[in-house]
Amino acid sequence: MVFARIVGTVVSTNKEPKLVGKKLLLVQPVEPTGQAKGAPLVAVDSVGAGEGEFVLLVQGSSARQTGMTEGTPVDCTIVAIVDTVEQGGKAVFEKAKDHAGR
């Protein structure tokens, strides 16, 4: 799984029929502390995430193993919205205190 922050939305009026009705979001992979790393990706949202939220992604064949994406041509799916991250016994991210992404 990959930590990421939702940084935007992707709109596509012409697409593979199996993608119709699926929300596409632009996600920026991040370190657990929220620092960006790598290039942004497009992901299918399977959990109702919104802009600025910290999420977990799966990629490759795992991205096609959710109830919403089974048999769908996707390579990146959002599978969780993160509430807190602890590292070394210390909270490095808390959704309730996060204002950087909003």
N, C-alpha and C. Protein backbone atom coordinates (compact mmCIF):
# COMPACT_ATOMS: atom_id res chain seq x y z
N MET A 1 0.84 -1.18 0.00
CA MET A 1 0.00 0.00 0.00
C MET A 1 0.88 1.24 0.00
N VAL A 2 0.32 2.32 -0.48
CA VAL A 2 1.04 3.58 -0.63
C VAL A 2 0.26 4.67 0.09
N PHE A 3 0.97 5.51 0.87
CA PHE A 3 0.35 6.70 1.47
C PHE A 3 0.27 7.76 0.39
N ALA A 4 -0.84 8.50 0.35
CA ALA A 4 -0.99 9.59 -0.62
C ALA A 4 -1.97 10.62 -0.09
N ARG A 5 -1.92 11.80 -0.69
CA ARG A 5 -2.88 12.87 -0.36
C ARG A 5 -3.65 13.18 -1.63
N ILE A 6 -4.95 13.39 -1.50
CA ILE A 6 -5.79 13.76 -2.63
C ILE A 6 -5.49 15.23 -2.96
N VAL A 7 -5.07 15.48 -4.21
CA VAL A 7 -4.71 16.84 -4.61
C VAL A 7 -5.62 17.40 -5.71
N GLY A 8 -6.55 16.58 -6.21
CA GLY A 8 -7.44 17.09 -7.25
C GLY A 8 -8.37 16.01 -7.77
N THR A 9 -9.17 16.39 -8.74
CA THR A 9 -10.09 15.46 -9.38
C THR A 9 -9.75 15.35 -10.86
N VAL A 10 -10.17 14.26 -11.47
CA VAL A 10 -9.96 14.03 -12.90
C VAL A 10 -11.33 13.77 -13.51
N VAL A 11 -11.66 14.53 -14.55
CA VAL A 11 -12.95 14.37 -15.23
C VAL A 11 -12.69 13.87 -16.64
N SER A 12 -13.41 12.82 -17.02
CA SER A 12 -13.27 12.25 -18.35
C SER A 12 -14.66 11.87 -18.86
N THR A 13 -15.11 12.53 -19.91
CA THR A 13 -16.44 12.23 -20.42
C THR A 13 -16.44 11.03 -21.35
N ASN A 14 -15.33 10.78 -22.02
CA ASN A 14 -15.20 9.60 -22.89
C ASN A 14 -14.24 8.64 -22.22
N LYS A 15 -14.75 7.46 -21.85
CA LYS A 15 -13.90 6.49 -21.18
C LYS A 15 -14.45 5.08 -21.37
N GLU A 16 -13.65 4.12 -21.01
CA GLU A 16 -14.04 2.71 -21.02
C GLU A 16 -15.37 2.57 -20.27
N PRO A 17 -16.35 1.89 -20.84
CA PRO A 17 -17.66 1.76 -20.19
C PRO A 17 -17.59 1.26 -18.74
N LYS A 18 -16.63 0.41 -18.40
CA LYS A 18 -16.52 -0.09 -17.03
C LYS A 18 -16.07 0.99 -16.05
N LEU A 19 -15.60 2.12 -16.56
CA LEU A 19 -15.20 3.23 -15.70
C LEU A 19 -16.31 4.26 -15.49
N VAL A 20 -17.40 4.13 -16.23
CA VAL A 20 -18.52 5.06 -16.09
C VAL A 20 -19.06 4.98 -14.67
N GLY A 21 -19.23 6.14 -14.04
CA GLY A 21 -19.74 6.19 -12.68
C GLY A 21 -18.68 6.08 -11.60
N LYS A 22 -17.43 5.88 -11.98
CA LYS A 22 -16.34 5.79 -11.02
C LYS A 22 -15.70 7.16 -10.85
N LYS A 23 -15.48 7.57 -9.59
CA LYS A 23 -14.83 8.85 -9.31
C LYS A 23 -13.33 8.69 -9.43
N LEU A 24 -12.71 9.55 -10.25
CA LEU A 24 -11.27 9.53 -10.46
C LEU A 24 -10.65 10.72 -9.72
N LEU A 25 -9.61 10.44 -8.95
CA LEU A 25 -8.95 11.49 -8.18
C LEU A 25 -7.47 11.54 -8.49
N LEU A 26 -6.89 12.74 -8.43
CA LEU A 26 -5.46 12.93 -8.58
C LEU A 26 -4.84 12.81 -7.19
N VAL A 27 -3.90 11.88 -7.04
CA VAL A 27 -3.30 11.63 -5.73
C VAL A 27 -1.79 11.84 -5.80
N GLN A 28 -1.25 12.42 -4.74
CA GLN A 28 0.19 12.64 -4.64
C GLN A 28 0.76 11.70 -3.58
N PRO A 29 1.58 10.73 -3.98
CA PRO A 29 2.22 9.88 -2.96
C PRO A 29 3.01 10.76 -1.98
N VAL A 30 2.97 10.37 -0.71
CA VAL A 30 3.63 11.15 0.35
C VAL A 30 4.33 10.22 1.34
N GLU A 31 5.25 10.79 2.10
CA GLU A 31 5.84 10.12 3.25
C GLU A 31 4.76 10.07 4.34
N PRO A 32 4.90 9.22 5.36
CA PRO A 32 3.91 9.19 6.44
C PRO A 32 3.72 10.55 7.13
N THR A 33 4.71 11.43 7.03
CA THR A 33 4.60 12.76 7.63
C THR A 33 3.87 13.75 6.72
N GLY A 34 3.58 13.34 5.47
CA GLY A 34 2.87 14.19 4.53
C GLY A 34 3.73 14.83 3.47
N GLN A 35 5.06 14.66 3.53
CA GLN A 35 5.95 15.25 2.54
C GLN A 35 5.83 14.50 1.21
N ALA A 36 5.62 15.25 0.12
CA ALA A 36 5.42 14.65 -1.21
C ALA A 36 6.64 13.86 -1.66
N LYS A 37 6.36 12.75 -2.38
CA LYS A 37 7.45 11.97 -2.99
C LYS A 37 6.93 11.38 -4.29
N GLY A 38 7.70 11.51 -5.34
CA GLY A 38 7.31 10.95 -6.63
C GLY A 38 6.27 11.78 -7.36
N ALA A 39 5.82 11.23 -8.48
CA ALA A 39 4.86 11.91 -9.35
C ALA A 39 3.42 11.62 -8.93
N PRO A 40 2.50 12.54 -9.20
CA PRO A 40 1.08 12.28 -8.92
C PRO A 40 0.54 11.14 -9.78
N LEU A 41 -0.52 10.50 -9.30
CA LEU A 41 -1.18 9.39 -9.98
C LEU A 41 -2.67 9.65 -10.06
N VAL A 42 -3.34 8.95 -10.97
CA VAL A 42 -4.79 8.97 -11.02
C VAL A 42 -5.28 7.67 -10.39
N ALA A 43 -6.23 7.79 -9.46
CA ALA A 43 -6.75 6.62 -8.76
C ALA A 43 -8.27 6.62 -8.77
N VAL A 44 -8.85 5.42 -8.80
CA VAL A 44 -10.29 5.26 -8.63
C VAL A 44 -10.58 5.31 -7.13
N ASP A 45 -11.59 6.06 -6.75
CA ASP A 45 -11.97 6.20 -5.34
C ASP A 45 -13.01 5.15 -4.98
N SER A 46 -12.66 4.23 -4.07
CA SER A 46 -13.61 3.22 -3.64
C SER A 46 -14.15 3.46 -2.24
N VAL A 47 -13.75 4.60 -1.62
CA VAL A 47 -14.14 4.83 -0.22
C VAL A 47 -14.76 6.20 0.06
N GLY A 48 -14.95 7.02 -0.96
CA GLY A 48 -15.56 8.34 -0.74
C GLY A 48 -14.59 9.38 -0.21
N ALA A 49 -13.34 9.34 -0.65
CA ALA A 49 -12.33 10.29 -0.21
C ALA A 49 -12.56 11.66 -0.85
N GLY A 50 -12.01 12.69 -0.21
CA GLY A 50 -12.15 14.04 -0.74
C GLY A 50 -10.82 14.76 -0.79
N GLU A 51 -10.80 15.87 -1.49
CA GLU A 51 -9.58 16.64 -1.68
C GLU A 51 -8.95 16.99 -0.33
N GLY A 52 -7.62 16.82 -0.26
CA GLY A 52 -6.87 17.13 0.94
C GLY A 52 -6.71 15.97 1.90
N GLU A 53 -7.52 14.92 1.74
CA GLU A 53 -7.43 13.80 2.68
C GLU A 53 -6.21 12.93 2.41
N PHE A 54 -5.74 12.31 3.46
CA PHE A 54 -4.62 11.39 3.45
C PHE A 54 -5.22 10.00 3.27
N VAL A 55 -4.77 9.24 2.26
CA VAL A 55 -5.39 7.95 1.92
C VAL A 55 -4.35 6.86 1.73
N LEU A 56 -4.83 5.63 1.61
CA LEU A 56 -3.99 4.49 1.24
C LEU A 56 -4.41 4.02 -0.13
N LEU A 57 -3.42 3.73 -0.97
CA LEU A 57 -3.65 3.26 -2.34
C LEU A 57 -3.13 1.85 -2.49
N VAL A 58 -3.73 1.12 -3.41
CA VAL A 58 -3.14 -0.13 -3.88
C VAL A 58 -2.98 0.01 -5.39
N GLN A 59 -1.97 -0.68 -5.92
CA GLN A 59 -1.68 -0.57 -7.34
C GLN A 59 -1.55 -1.96 -7.96
N GLY A 60 -1.51 -1.99 -9.28
CA GLY A 60 -1.36 -3.24 -10.00
C GLY A 60 -2.59 -4.11 -9.86
N SER A 61 -2.38 -5.42 -9.81
CA SER A 61 -3.53 -6.34 -9.75
C SER A 61 -4.36 -6.15 -8.48
N SER A 62 -3.75 -5.68 -7.39
CA SER A 62 -4.51 -5.41 -6.16
C SER A 62 -5.56 -4.33 -6.36
N ALA A 63 -5.30 -3.40 -7.28
CA ALA A 63 -6.24 -2.32 -7.55
C ALA A 63 -7.54 -2.82 -8.16
N ARG A 64 -7.52 -4.03 -8.70
CA ARG A 64 -8.71 -4.60 -9.32
C ARG A 64 -9.40 -5.63 -8.43
N GLN A 65 -9.07 -5.63 -7.15
CA GLN A 65 -9.63 -6.62 -6.24
C GLN A 65 -10.62 -6.06 -5.24
N THR A 66 -11.11 -4.86 -5.46
CA THR A 66 -12.16 -4.32 -4.59
C THR A 66 -13.51 -4.66 -5.23
N GLY A 67 -14.56 -4.58 -4.46
CA GLY A 67 -15.88 -4.83 -5.00
C GLY A 67 -16.23 -3.89 -6.14
N MET A 68 -15.74 -2.67 -6.07
CA MET A 68 -16.05 -1.66 -7.08
C MET A 68 -15.20 -1.80 -8.35
N THR A 69 -14.00 -2.35 -8.23
CA THR A 69 -13.08 -2.35 -9.37
C THR A 69 -12.84 -3.72 -9.98
N GLU A 70 -13.46 -4.76 -9.47
CA GLU A 70 -13.25 -6.10 -10.01
C GLU A 70 -13.60 -6.13 -11.49
N GLY A 71 -12.67 -6.60 -12.31
CA GLY A 71 -12.90 -6.69 -13.75
C GLY A 71 -12.84 -5.35 -14.47
N THR A 72 -12.32 -4.32 -13.81
CA THR A 72 -12.24 -2.98 -14.37
C THR A 72 -10.79 -2.66 -14.72
N PRO A 73 -10.53 -1.97 -15.82
CA PRO A 73 -9.15 -1.67 -16.21
C PRO A 73 -8.55 -0.51 -15.41
N VAL A 74 -8.18 -0.80 -14.17
CA VAL A 74 -7.56 0.22 -13.31
C VAL A 74 -6.22 -0.29 -12.79
N ASP A 75 -5.35 0.64 -12.45
CA ASP A 75 -4.04 0.29 -11.91
C ASP A 75 -3.77 0.95 -10.57
N CYS A 76 -4.72 1.77 -10.08
CA CYS A 76 -4.52 2.45 -8.81
C CYS A 76 -5.90 2.71 -8.18
N THR A 77 -6.10 2.22 -6.96
CA THR A 77 -7.39 2.37 -6.27
C THR A 77 -7.18 2.85 -4.85
N ILE A 78 -7.99 3.82 -4.43
CA ILE A 78 -7.97 4.29 -3.05
C ILE A 78 -8.82 3.32 -2.23
N VAL A 79 -8.20 2.73 -1.18
CA VAL A 79 -8.90 1.72 -0.40
C VAL A 79 -9.13 2.12 1.05
N ALA A 80 -8.58 3.25 1.50
CA ALA A 80 -8.77 3.67 2.89
C ALA A 80 -8.51 5.16 3.03
N ILE A 81 -9.22 5.78 3.96
CA ILE A 81 -8.96 7.16 4.38
C ILE A 81 -8.25 7.07 5.72
N VAL A 82 -7.09 7.70 5.84
CA VAL A 82 -6.26 7.59 7.04
C VAL A 82 -6.73 8.57 8.11
N ASP A 83 -6.87 8.04 9.34
CA ASP A 83 -7.22 8.87 10.50
C ASP A 83 -5.97 9.29 11.28
N THR A 84 -5.08 8.34 11.55
CA THR A 84 -3.84 8.64 12.27
C THR A 84 -2.72 7.75 11.77
N VAL A 85 -1.49 8.25 11.91
CA VAL A 85 -0.29 7.47 11.63
C VAL A 85 0.65 7.64 12.81
N GLU A 86 1.10 6.52 13.37
CA GLU A 86 2.09 6.54 14.43
C GLU A 86 3.36 5.90 13.92
N GLN A 87 4.48 6.52 14.24
CA GLN A 87 5.78 6.00 13.82
C GLN A 87 6.72 6.13 15.00
N GLY A 88 7.32 5.03 15.43
CA GLY A 88 8.22 5.06 16.57
C GLY A 88 7.51 5.48 17.85
N GLY A 89 6.24 5.10 17.98
CA GLY A 89 5.48 5.43 19.18
C GLY A 89 5.01 6.88 19.24
N LYS A 90 5.18 7.60 18.16
CA LYS A 90 4.83 9.02 18.12
C LYS A 90 3.86 9.28 16.97
N ALA A 91 2.82 10.06 17.22
CA ALA A 91 1.87 10.42 16.17
C ALA A 91 2.54 11.37 15.19
N VAL A 92 2.62 10.97 13.91
CA VAL A 92 3.20 11.84 12.88
C VAL A 92 2.12 12.44 11.99
N PHE A 93 0.89 11.92 12.10
CA PHE A 93 -0.24 12.47 11.36
C PHE A 93 -1.51 12.19 12.13
N GLU A 94 -2.35 13.20 12.28
CA GLU A 94 -3.68 13.04 12.86
C GLU A 94 -4.66 13.84 12.02
N LYS A 95 -5.64 13.16 11.44
CA LYS A 95 -6.60 13.80 10.56
C LYS A 95 -7.28 14.99 11.24
N ALA A 96 -7.64 14.83 12.50
CA ALA A 96 -8.33 15.89 13.22
C ALA A 96 -7.49 17.15 13.35
N LYS A 97 -6.17 17.02 13.28
CA LYS A 97 -5.27 18.18 13.44
C LYS A 97 -4.67 18.64 12.12
N ASP A 98 -4.97 17.94 11.03
CA ASP A 98 -4.37 18.24 9.73
C ASP A 98 -5.07 19.40 9.05
N HIS A 99 -4.32 20.45 8.82
CA HIS A 99 -4.88 21.60 8.09
C HIS A 99 -4.09 21.89 6.83
N ALA A 100 -2.95 21.19 6.65
CA ALA A 100 -2.08 21.44 5.50
C ALA A 100 -2.75 21.11 4.17
N GLY A 101 -3.54 20.05 4.14
CA GLY A 101 -4.14 19.63 2.89
C GLY A 101 -5.48 20.27 2.60
N ARG A 102 -5.97 21.09 3.44
CA ARG A 102 -7.31 21.68 3.26
C ARG A 102 -7.23 23.13 2.89
